[in-house]
């Protein structure tokens, strides 16, 4: 499927600059490199807090521009794991697991991130899983309750910072510096008035915004089969791992509550 530039991102005020950026993520840094965005894309991600839903429930992630179904997310029977797969394909791509205490989330894939990486165990179907990324609050940030990090595993123990996410109020000094227009809807249910912005972890996240999440507009909602279902819109620059960012945003919404 060709991913075209998002009409929504073009018209989204401060998100317009995403059109001129590229995350340049390597294929090895992507959960699903076959759907790495070639241009700006906006996905519709179900909410609120998927880990708090009924065990066994399925959710669909859509392309916000045309309503095409891209991914299926399934909450397992214990409500501690979410499995992601492509729509129309039963093969699982990754598993997002909520760790004990709910303060850390681990993203597993079904292939090693290095030639010598050993399996971390098995999923509910007995398939081998491998550590891919860890999502948690960022304790080094000035406001750790509003700051989150996405770290990639090198092997099973070494973690390499890749993305930083912040919940930002558009009217704040930082919000104005980032070009976030006041009046954008909020991200998630836990922090009214805040927007999720994602930047590269290089230089402690001081670079440009590479992805952002907020509530979808009415035009995007009208294209979905279930127009009344709660969702947030996740826009990202070219060269970004779409499915990895979905997992990041889902975990952040859970952590922000």
Foldseek 3Di string as FASTA:
>chain_A
DAADAAPCQCPQFLSVCLQVDALQDDCLLFLDSVPFHQFKWKKWAFDDQQLPDAAQDKDFIAGLRQQHTFKIWHHHNVSFKIWIDGPPDPDTSWIWGQDPPRFKIWIKGQDESDPPADFPFADPVRGTIGTFWMKGFDPVDPDSLFKMWIWTDDHHPDTHTFKMKGWAQCVDPVNVVLRRDHPFAAQADQDGRTKIFMATCVVPRPDHTFKIKHQDDQSSLVNHPPSPGGTIMIIGGGNDRVVSVSSNSSSSNSSND
